[in-house]
Amino acid sequence: MAHLSKAKDFERLEARISPAKKSVLKNAATLSGISLTDFVVNSAYEAAKRVVQDYEQLNLAEVDRHVFIQALLNPPNPSANLIKAAQRYKKDVQSK
């Protein structure tokens, strides 16, 4: 029974490739000490993760850029602590 439920944990993926590409993949898998299937799946998975990560970083950078530009165009009023710190700084600089 365990074998039957385990089979449902996987999905099938098929691809048609040229003999030359298959030969290179097979050679790389052999050199890596893993099966052709494992090599192809692992390589594709790692490449897919990089694509998703790059997209998410680019998307986040776009949001950050927008927030930064808005802060420059519409700066918030200085807080009481910032005003006090600026006054202390001016006092320290003038006393030297």
PDB file of N, CA and C in Angstrom:
ATOM      1  N   MET A   1       0.814  -1.199   0.000  1.00  0.00           N
ATOM      2  CA  MET A   1       0.000   0.000   0.000  1.00  0.00           C
ATOM      3  C   MET A   1       0.860   1.266   0.000  1.00  0.00           C
ATOM      4  N   ALA A   2       1.940   1.270   0.762  1.00  0.00           N
ATOM      5  CA  ALA A   2       2.797   2.452   0.817  1.00  0.00           C
ATOM      6  C   ALA A   2       3.349   2.782  -0.561  1.00  0.00           C
ATOM      7  N   HIS A   3       3.646   1.765  -1.337  1.00  0.00           N
ATOM      8  CA  HIS A   3       4.186   1.982  -2.672  1.00  0.00           C
ATOM      9  C   HIS A   3       3.166   2.703  -3.564  1.00  0.00           C
ATOM     10  N   LEU A   4       1.900   2.371  -3.437  1.00  0.00           N
ATOM     11  CA  LEU A   4       0.874   3.002  -4.259  1.00  0.00           C
ATOM     12  C   LEU A   4       0.707   4.473  -3.913  1.00  0.00           C
ATOM     13  N   SER A   5       0.708   4.803  -2.627  1.00  0.00           N
ATOM     14  CA  SER A   5       0.532   6.202  -2.246  1.00  0.00           C
ATOM     15  C   SER A   5       1.769   7.019  -2.613  1.00  0.00           C
ATOM     16  N   LYS A   6       2.937   6.404  -2.575  1.00  0.00           N
ATOM     17  CA  LYS A   6       4.159   7.116  -2.926  1.00  0.00           C
ATOM     18  C   LYS A   6       4.162   7.495  -4.408  1.00  0.00           C
ATOM     19  N   ALA A   7       3.599   6.654  -5.247  1.00  0.00           N
ATOM     20  CA  ALA A   7       3.541   6.939  -6.682  1.00  0.00           C
ATOM     21  C   ALA A   7       2.740   8.203  -6.962  1.00  0.00           C
ATOM     22  N   LYS A   8       1.786   8.538  -6.125  1.00  0.00           N
ATOM     23  CA  LYS A   8       0.977   9.738  -6.311  1.00  0.00           C
ATOM     24  C   LYS A   8       1.737  11.004  -5.924  1.00  0.00           C
ATOM     25  N   ASP A   9       2.887  10.855  -5.260  1.00  0.00           N
ATOM     26  CA  ASP A   9       3.679  12.006  -4.846  1.00  0.00           C
ATOM     27  C   ASP A   9       4.517  12.575  -5.985  1.00  0.00           C
ATOM     28  N   PHE A  10       4.485  11.944  -7.134  1.00  0.00           N
ATOM     29  CA  PHE A  10       5.294  12.371  -8.264  1.00  0.00           C
ATOM     30  C   PHE A  10       4.424  12.589  -9.490  1.00  0.00           C
ATOM     31  N   GLU A  11       4.891  13.472 -10.364  1.00  0.00           N
ATOM     32  CA  GLU A  11       4.218  13.689 -11.641  1.00  0.00           C
ATOM     33  C   GLU A  11       5.195  13.399 -12.759  1.00  0.00           C
ATOM     34  N   ARG A  12       4.674  13.038 -13.882  1.00  0.00           N
ATOM     35  CA  ARG A  12       5.503  12.677 -15.035  1.00  0.00           C
ATOM     36  C   ARG A  12       5.793  13.927 -15.868  1.00  0.00           C
ATOM     37  N   LEU A  13       7.010  13.996 -16.389  1.00  0.00           N
ATOM     38  CA  LEU A  13       7.430  15.081 -17.261  1.00  0.00           C
ATOM     39  C   LEU A  13       8.173  14.472 -18.440  1.00  0.00           C
ATOM     40  N   GLU A  14       7.753  14.813 -19.633  1.00  0.00           N
ATOM     41  CA  GLU A  14       8.393  14.254 -20.828  1.00  0.00           C
ATOM     42  C   GLU A  14       8.931  15.384 -21.686  1.00  0.00           C
ATOM     43  N   ALA A  15      10.001  15.080 -22.422  1.00  0.00           N
ATOM     44  CA  ALA A  15      10.581  16.075 -23.326  1.00  0.00           C
ATOM     45  C   ALA A  15      11.226  15.378 -24.513  1.00  0.00           C
ATOM     46  N   ARG A  16      11.166  16.026 -25.642  1.00  0.00           N
ATOM     47  CA  ARG A  16      11.851  15.520 -26.838  1.00  0.00           C
ATOM     48  C   ARG A  16      13.050  16.425 -27.075  1.00  0.00           C
ATOM     49  N   ILE A  17      14.226  15.800 -27.222  1.00  0.00           N
ATOM     50  CA  ILE A  17      15.445  16.567 -27.458  1.00  0.00           C
ATOM     51  C   ILE A  17      16.263  15.901 -28.554  1.00  0.00           C
ATOM     52  N   SER A  18      17.189  16.653 -29.086  1.00  0.00           N
ATOM     53  CA  SER A  18      18.041  16.110 -30.151  1.00  0.00           C
ATOM     54  C   SER A  18      18.998  15.076 -29.562  1.00  0.00           C
ATOM     55  N   PRO A  19      19.457  14.149 -30.387  1.00  0.00           N
ATOM     56  CA  PRO A  19      20.427  13.161 -29.910  1.00  0.00           C
ATOM     57  C   PRO A  19      21.700  13.813 -29.360  1.00  0.00           C
ATOM     58  N   ALA A  20      22.121  14.917 -29.960  1.00  0.00           N
ATOM     59  CA  ALA A  20      23.336  15.598 -29.488  1.00  0.00           C
ATOM     60  C   ALA A  20      23.149  16.139 -28.071  1.00  0.00           C
ATOM     61  N   LYS A  21      22.008  16.764 -27.816  1.00  0.00           N
ATOM     62  CA  LYS A  21      21.743  17.288 -26.473  1.00  0.00           C
ATOM     63  C   LYS A  21      21.630  16.153 -25.464  1.00  0.00           C
ATOM     64  N   LYS A  22      20.962  15.079 -25.855  1.00  0.00           N
ATOM     65  CA  LYS A  22      20.826  13.939 -24.951  1.00  0.00           C
ATOM     66  C   LYS A  22      22.191  13.364 -24.617  1.00  0.00           C
ATOM     67  N   SER A  23      23.061  13.297 -25.588  1.00  0.00           N
ATOM     68  CA  SER A  23      24.403  12.766 -25.365  1.00  0.00           C
ATOM     69  C   SER A  23      25.167  13.615 -24.355  1.00  0.00           C
ATOM     70  N   VAL A  24      25.075  14.931 -24.497  1.00  0.00           N
ATOM     71  CA  VAL A  24      25.755  15.831 -23.556  1.00  0.00           C
ATOM     72  C   VAL A  24      25.173  15.676 -22.157  1.00  0.00           C
ATOM     73  N   LEU A  25      23.851  15.636 -22.063  1.00  0.00           N
ATOM     74  CA  LEU A  25      23.202  15.477 -20.759  1.00  0.00           C
ATOM     75  C   LEU A  25      23.573  14.145 -20.120  1.00  0.00           C
ATOM     76  N   LYS A  26      23.580  13.098 -20.919  1.00  0.00           N
ATOM     77  CA  LYS A  26      23.913  11.765 -20.407  1.00  0.00           C
ATOM     78  C   LYS A  26      25.356  11.739 -19.912  1.00  0.00           C
ATOM     79  N   ASN A  27      26.257  12.344 -20.658  1.00  0.00           N
ATOM     80  CA  ASN A  27      27.659  12.408 -20.260  1.00  0.00           C
ATOM     81  C   ASN A  27      27.811  13.188 -18.952  1.00  0.00           C
ATOM     82  N   ALA A  28      27.137  14.317 -18.849  1.00  0.00           N
ATOM     83  CA  ALA A  28      27.203  15.123 -17.626  1.00  0.00           C
ATOM     84  C   ALA A  28      26.634  14.359 -16.435  1.00  0.00           C
ATOM     85  N   ALA A  29      25.544  13.639 -16.651  1.00  0.00           N
ATOM     86  CA  ALA A  29      24.954  12.841 -15.575  1.00  0.00           C
ATOM     87  C   ALA A  29      25.921  11.762 -15.119  1.00  0.00           C
ATOM     88  N   THR A  30      26.560  11.100 -16.070  1.00  0.00           N
ATOM     89  CA  THR A  30      27.531  10.052 -15.738  1.00  0.00           C
ATOM     90  C   THR A  30      28.689  10.639 -14.946  1.00  0.00           C
ATOM     91  N   LEU A  31      29.204  11.775 -15.392  1.00  0.00           N
ATOM     92  CA  LEU A  31      30.303  12.426 -14.677  1.00  0.00           C
ATOM     93  C   LEU A  31      29.894  12.870 -13.276  1.00  0.00           C
ATOM     94  N   SER A  32      28.610  13.187 -13.108  1.00  0.00           N
ATOM     95  CA  SER A  32      28.090  13.598 -11.795  1.00  0.00           C
ATOM     96  C   SER A  32      27.750  12.407 -10.915  1.00  0.00           C
ATOM     97  N   GLY A  33      27.720  11.224 -11.509  1.00  0.00           N
ATOM     98  CA  GLY A  33      27.412  10.025 -10.739  1.00  0.00           C
ATOM     99  C   GLY A  33      25.945   9.852 -10.425  1.00  0.00           C
ATOM    100  N   ILE A  34      25.090  10.440 -11.247  1.00  0.00           N
ATOM    101  CA  ILE A  34      23.647  10.298 -11.029  1.00  0.00           C
ATOM    102  C   ILE A  34      22.993   9.894 -12.347  1.00  0.00           C
ATOM    103  N   SER A  35      21.730   9.504 -12.251  1.00  0.00           N
ATOM    104  CA  SER A  35      21.011   9.081 -13.456  1.00  0.00           C
ATOM    105  C   SER A  35      20.712  10.285 -14.346  1.00  0.00           C
ATOM    106  N   LEU A  36      20.449   9.998 -15.600  1.00  0.00           N
ATOM    107  CA  LEU A  36      20.093  11.057 -16.543  1.00  0.00           C
ATOM    108  C   LEU A  36      18.849  11.800 -16.067  1.00  0.00           C
ATOM    109  N   THR A  37      17.852  11.055 -15.615  1.00  0.00           N
ATOM    110  CA  THR A  37      16.619  11.678 -15.128  1.00  0.00           C
ATOM    111  C   THR A  37      16.901  12.606 -13.958  1.00  0.00           C
ATOM    112  N   ASP A  38      17.672  12.115 -12.967  1.00  0.00           N
ATOM    113  CA  ASP A  38      17.992  12.955 -11.810  1.00  0.00           C
ATOM    114  C   ASP A  38      18.774  14.194 -12.228  1.00  0.00           C
ATOM    115  N   PHE A  39      19.708  14.018 -13.156  1.00  0.00           N
ATOM    116  CA  PHE A  39      20.504  15.156 -13.608  1.00  0.00           C
ATOM    117  C   PHE A  39      19.624  16.212 -14.270  1.00  0.00           C
ATOM    118  N   VAL A  40      18.761  15.780 -15.168  1.00  0.00           N
ATOM    119  CA  VAL A  40      17.897  16.717 -15.889  1.00  0.00           C
ATOM    120  C   VAL A  40      16.935  17.409 -14.928  1.00  0.00           C
ATOM    121  N   VAL A  41      16.304  16.638 -14.058  1.00  0.00           N
ATOM    122  CA  VAL A  41      15.341  17.217 -13.119  1.00  0.00           C
ATOM    123  C   VAL A  41      16.033  18.184 -12.166  1.00  0.00           C
ATOM    124  N   ASN A  42      17.167  17.776 -11.595  1.00  0.00           N
ATOM    125  CA  ASN A  42      17.884  18.654 -10.661  1.00  0.00           C
ATOM    126  C   ASN A  42      18.354  19.933 -11.347  1.00  0.00           C
ATOM    127  N   SER A  43      18.890  19.806 -12.552  1.00  0.00           N
ATOM    128  CA  SER A  43      19.375  20.978 -13.288  1.00  0.00           C
ATOM    129  C   SER A  43      18.233  21.926 -13.636  1.00  0.00           C
ATOM    130  N   ALA A  44      17.142  21.379 -14.113  1.00  0.00           N
ATOM    131  CA  ALA A  44      15.983  22.206 -14.464  1.00  0.00           C
ATOM    132  C   ALA A  44      15.403  22.876 -13.223  1.00  0.00           C
ATOM    133  N   TYR A  45      15.351  22.136 -12.127  1.00  0.00           N
ATOM    134  CA  TYR A  45      14.798  22.679 -10.882  1.00  0.00           C
ATOM    135  C   TYR A  45      15.648  23.844 -10.373  1.00  0.00           C
ATOM    136  N   GLU A  46      16.970  23.672 -10.363  1.00  0.00           N
ATOM    137  CA  GLU A  46      17.859  24.739  -9.899  1.00  0.00           C
ATOM    138  C   GLU A  46      17.759  25.964 -10.808  1.00  0.00           C
ATOM    139  N   ALA A  47      17.681  25.745 -12.109  1.00  0.00           N
ATOM    140  CA  ALA A  47      17.535  26.863 -13.046  1.00  0.00           C
ATOM    141  C   ALA A  47      16.204  27.581 -12.822  1.00  0.00           C
ATOM    142  N   ALA A  48      15.151  26.829 -12.586  1.00  0.00           N
ATOM    143  CA  ALA A  48      13.833  27.420 -12.342  1.00  0.00           C
ATOM    144  C   ALA A  48      13.836  28.246 -11.061  1.00  0.00           C
ATOM    145  N   LYS A  49      14.493  27.737 -10.016  1.00  0.00           N
ATOM    146  CA  LYS A  49      14.569  28.497  -8.761  1.00  0.00           C
ATOM    147  C   LYS A  49      15.303  29.821  -8.971  1.00  0.00           C
ATOM    148  N   ARG A  50      16.376  29.806  -9.773  1.00  0.00           N
ATOM    149  CA  ARG A  50      17.125  31.041 -10.044  1.00  0.00           C
ATOM    150  C   ARG A  50      16.259  32.046 -10.807  1.00  0.00           C
ATOM    151  N   VAL A  51      15.499  31.569 -11.781  1.00  0.00           N
ATOM    152  CA  VAL A  51      14.628  32.460 -12.552  1.00  0.00           C
ATOM    153  C   VAL A  51      13.594  33.103 -11.638  1.00  0.00           C
ATOM    154  N   VAL A  52      12.966  32.310 -10.786  1.00  0.00           N
ATOM    155  CA  VAL A  52      11.948  32.830  -9.866  1.00  0.00           C
ATOM    156  C   VAL A  52      12.581  33.821  -8.891  1.00  0.00           C
ATOM    157  N   GLN A  53      13.745  33.487  -8.349  1.00  0.00           N
ATOM    158  CA  GLN A  53      14.427  34.375  -7.408  1.00  0.00           C
ATOM    159  C   GLN A  53      14.803  35.698  -8.082  1.00  0.00           C
ATOM    160  N   ASP A  54      15.335  35.629  -9.289  1.00  0.00           N
ATOM    161  CA  ASP A  54      15.688  36.851 -10.015  1.00  0.00           C
ATOM    162  C   ASP A  54      14.460  37.717 -10.261  1.00  0.00           C
ATOM    163  N   TYR A  55      13.358  37.098 -10.637  1.00  0.00           N
ATOM    164  CA  TYR A  55      12.124  37.842 -10.876  1.00  0.00           C
ATOM    165  C   TYR A  55      11.637  38.502  -9.592  1.00  0.00           C
ATOM    166  N   GLU A  56      11.664  37.746  -8.481  1.00  0.00           N
ATOM    167  CA  GLU A  56      11.191  38.291  -7.211  1.00  0.00           C
ATOM    168  C   GLU A  56      12.084  39.434  -6.743  1.00  0.00           C
ATOM    169  N   GLN A  57      13.399  39.318  -6.941  1.00  0.00           N
ATOM    170  CA  GLN A  57      14.304  40.402  -6.559  1.00  0.00           C
ATOM    171  C   GLN A  57      14.062  41.633  -7.417  1.00  0.00           C
ATOM    172  N   LEU A  58      13.864  41.428  -8.699  1.00  0.00           N
ATOM    173  CA  LEU A  58      13.596  42.544  -9.595  1.00  0.00           C
ATOM    174  C   LEU A  58      12.287  43.208  -9.229  1.00  0.00           C
ATOM    175  N   ASN A  59      11.284  42.424  -8.937  1.00  0.00           N
ATOM    176  CA  ASN A  59       9.980  42.945  -8.554  1.00  0.00           C
ATOM    177  C   ASN A  59      10.085  43.718  -7.250  1.00  0.00           C
ATOM    178  N   LEU A  60      10.816  43.184  -6.279  1.00  0.00           N
ATOM    179  CA  LEU A  60      10.999  43.857  -4.996  1.00  0.00           C
ATOM    180  C   LEU A  60      11.785  45.145  -5.201  1.00  0.00           C
ATOM    181  N   ALA A  61      12.801  45.114  -6.046  1.00  0.00           N
ATOM    182  CA  ALA A  61      13.595  46.306  -6.319  1.00  0.00           C
ATOM    183  C   ALA A  61      12.718  47.403  -6.919  1.00  0.00           C
ATOM    184  N   GLU A  62      11.780  47.032  -7.755  1.00  0.00           N
ATOM    185  CA  GLU A  62      10.859  47.997  -8.357  1.00  0.00           C
ATOM    186  C   GLU A  62      10.012  48.668  -7.274  1.00  0.00           C
ATOM    187  N   VAL A  63       9.513  47.886  -6.334  1.00  0.00           N
ATOM    188  CA  VAL A  63       8.711  48.428  -5.233  1.00  0.00           C
ATOM    189  C   VAL A  63       9.574  49.331  -4.363  1.00  0.00           C
ATOM    190  N   ASP A  64      10.786  48.878  -4.030  1.00  0.00           N
ATOM    191  CA  ASP A  64      11.692  49.676  -3.203  1.00  0.00           C
ATOM    192  C   ASP A  64      12.025  51.003  -3.880  1.00  0.00           C
ATOM    193  N   ARG A  65      12.263  50.949  -5.184  1.00  0.00           N
ATOM    194  CA  ARG A  65      12.588  52.168  -5.934  1.00  0.00           C
ATOM    195  C   ARG A  65      11.428  53.154  -5.854  1.00  0.00           C
ATOM    196  N   HIS A  66      10.218  52.664  -5.996  1.00  0.00           N
ATOM    197  CA  HIS A  66       9.036  53.525  -5.925  1.00  0.00           C
ATOM    198  C   HIS A  66       8.923  54.166  -4.538  1.00  0.00           C
ATOM    199  N   VAL A  67       9.114  53.379  -3.494  1.00  0.00           N
ATOM    200  CA  VAL A  67       9.030  53.900  -2.123  1.00  0.00           C
ATOM    201  C   VAL A  67      10.112  54.954  -1.898  1.00  0.00           C
ATOM    202  N   PHE A  68      11.330  54.686  -2.364  1.00  0.00           N
ATOM    203  CA  PHE A  68      12.445  55.613  -2.197  1.00  0.00           C
ATOM    204  C   PHE A  68      12.165  56.940  -2.908  1.00  0.00           C
ATOM    205  N   ILE A  69      11.688  56.863  -4.144  1.00  0.00           N
ATOM    206  CA  ILE A  69      11.401  58.085  -4.902  1.00  0.00           C
ATOM    207  C   ILE A  69      10.293  58.884  -4.229  1.00  0.00           C
ATOM    208  N   GLN A  70       9.277  58.199  -3.734  1.00  0.00           N
ATOM    209  CA  GLN A  70       8.190  58.895  -3.042  1.00  0.00           C
ATOM    210  C   GLN A  70       8.688  59.583  -1.775  1.00  0.00           C
ATOM    211  N   ALA A  71       9.618  58.940  -1.070  1.00  0.00           N
ATOM    212  CA  ALA A  71      10.179  59.542   0.141  1.00  0.00           C
ATOM    213  C   ALA A  71      11.003  60.783  -0.208  1.00  0.00           C
ATOM    214  N   LEU A  72      11.693  60.767  -1.340  1.00  0.00           N
ATOM    215  CA  LEU A  72      12.455  61.943  -1.764  1.00  0.00           C
ATOM    216  C   LEU A  72      11.534  63.078  -2.206  1.00  0.00           C
ATOM    217  N   LEU A  73      10.484  62.731  -2.930  1.00  0.00           N
ATOM    218  CA  LEU A  73       9.570  63.752  -3.433  1.00  0.00           C
ATOM    219  C   LEU A  73       8.658  64.306  -2.342  1.00  0.00           C
ATOM    220  N   ASN A  74       8.316  63.477  -1.385  1.00  0.00           N
ATOM    221  CA  ASN A  74       7.414  63.878  -0.295  1.00  0.00           C
ATOM    222  C   ASN A  74       8.018  63.464   1.044  1.00  0.00           C
ATOM    223  N   PRO A  75       9.093  64.134   1.463  1.00  0.00           N
ATOM    224  CA  PRO A  75       9.749  63.692   2.703  1.00  0.00           C
ATOM    225  C   PRO A  75       8.834  63.904   3.910  1.00  0.00           C
ATOM    226  N   PRO A  76       8.904  62.994   4.863  1.00  0.00           N
ATOM    227  CA  PRO A  76       8.099  63.166   6.074  1.00  0.00           C
ATOM    228  C   PRO A  76       8.692  64.284   6.932  1.00  0.00           C
ATOM    229  N   ASN A  77       7.879  64.859   7.789  1.00  0.00           N
ATOM    230  CA  ASN A  77       8.367  65.879   8.719  1.00  0.00           C
ATOM    231  C   ASN A  77       9.333  65.233   9.702  1.00  0.00           C
ATOM    232  N   PRO A  78      10.373  65.971  10.109  1.00  0.00           N
ATOM    233  CA  PRO A  78      11.325  65.391  11.061  1.00  0.00           C
ATOM    234  C   PRO A  78      10.649  65.143  12.411  1.00  0.00           C
ATOM    235  N   SER A  79      11.029  64.045  13.030  1.00  0.00           N
ATOM    236  CA  SER A  79      10.473  63.716  14.343  1.00  0.00           C
ATOM    237  C   SER A  79      11.153  64.576  15.405  1.00  0.00           C
ATOM    238  N   ALA A  80      10.575  64.591  16.588  1.00  0.00           N
ATOM    239  CA  ALA A  80      11.145  65.359  17.702  1.00  0.00           C
ATOM    240  C   ALA A  80      12.554  64.871  18.018  1.00  0.00           C
ATOM    241  N   ASN A  81      12.763  63.573  17.987  1.00  0.00           N
ATOM    242  CA  ASN A  81      14.098  63.025  18.267  1.00  0.00           C
ATOM    243  C   ASN A  81      15.113  63.461  17.214  1.00  0.00           C
ATOM    244  N   LEU A  82      14.705  63.525  15.964  1.00  0.00           N
ATOM    245  CA  LEU A  82      15.613  63.961  14.905  1.00  0.00           C
ATOM    246  C   LEU A  82      15.965  65.437  15.079  1.00  0.00           C
ATOM    247  N   ILE A  83      15.002  66.247  15.433  1.00  0.00           N
ATOM    248  CA  ILE A  83      15.260  67.672  15.664  1.00  0.00           C
ATOM    249  C   ILE A  83      16.236  67.848  16.820  1.00  0.00           C
ATOM    250  N   LYS A  84      16.036  67.114  17.912  1.00  0.00           N
ATOM    251  CA  LYS A  84      16.949  67.190  19.061  1.00  0.00           C
ATOM    252  C   LYS A  84      18.354  66.747  18.674  1.00  0.00           C
ATOM    253  N   ALA A  85      18.450  65.685  17.894  1.00  0.00           N
ATOM    254  CA  ALA A  85      19.762  65.182  17.471  1.00  0.00           C
ATOM    255  C   ALA A  85      20.469  66.215  16.599  1.00  0.00           C
ATOM    256  N   ALA A  86      19.739  66.885  15.719  1.00  0.00           N
ATOM    257  CA  ALA A  86      20.333  67.916  14.861  1.00  0.00           C
ATOM    258  C   ALA A  86      20.811  69.097  15.695  1.00  0.00           C
ATOM    259  N   GLN A  87      20.039  69.469  16.687  1.00  0.00           N
ATOM    260  CA  GLN A  87      20.439  70.575  17.566  1.00  0.00           C
ATOM    261  C   GLN A  87      21.695  70.217  18.355  1.00  0.00           C
ATOM    262  N   ARG A  88      21.762  68.979  18.866  1.00  0.00           N
ATOM    263  CA  ARG A  88      22.964  68.535  19.595  1.00  0.00           C
ATOM    264  C   ARG A  88      24.177  68.540  18.671  1.00  0.00           C
ATOM    265  N   TYR A  89      23.973  68.094  17.446  1.00  0.00           N
ATOM    266  CA  TYR A  89      25.070  68.053  16.476  1.00  0.00           C
ATOM    267  C   TYR A  89      25.590  69.469  16.198  1.00  0.00           C
ATOM    268  N   LYS A  90      24.673  70.404  15.942  1.00  0.00           N
ATOM    269  CA  LYS A  90      25.080  71.787  15.679  1.00  0.00           C
ATOM    270  C   LYS A  90      25.841  72.363  16.869  1.00  0.00           C
ATOM    271  N   LYS A  91      25.346  72.081  18.056  1.00  0.00           N
ATOM    272  CA  LYS A  91      25.991  72.580  19.277  1.00  0.00           C
ATOM    273  C   LYS A  91      27.396  71.998  19.407  1.00  0.00           C
ATOM    274  N   ASP A  92      27.540  70.697  19.171  1.00  0.00           N
ATOM    275  CA  ASP A  92      28.852  70.043  19.264  1.00  0.00           C
ATOM    276  C   ASP A  92      29.817  70.586  18.215  1.00  0.00           C
ATOM    277  N   VAL A  93      29.341  70.818  17.003  1.00  0.00           N
ATOM    278  CA  VAL A  93      30.199  71.308  15.922  1.00  0.00           C
ATOM    279  C   VAL A  93      30.642  72.744  16.201  1.00  0.00           C
ATOM    280  N   GLN A  94      29.725  73.568  16.709  1.00  0.00           N
ATOM    281  CA  GLN A  94      30.051  74.970  16.989  1.00  0.00           C
ATOM    282  C   GLN A  94      31.016  75.104  18.162  1.00  0.00           C
ATOM    283  N   SER A  95      30.977  74.154  19.101  1.00  0.00           N
ATOM    284  CA  SER A  95      31.845  74.240  20.283  1.00  0.00           C
ATOM    285  C   SER A  95      33.272  73.800  19.982  1.00  0.00           C
ATOM    286  N   LYS A  96      33.522  73.215  18.821  1.00  0.00           N
ATOM    287  CA  LYS A  96      34.876  72.728  18.498  1.00  0.00           C
ATOM    288  C   LYS A  96      35.658  73.719  17.723  1.00  0.00           C
TER     289      LYS A  96
END
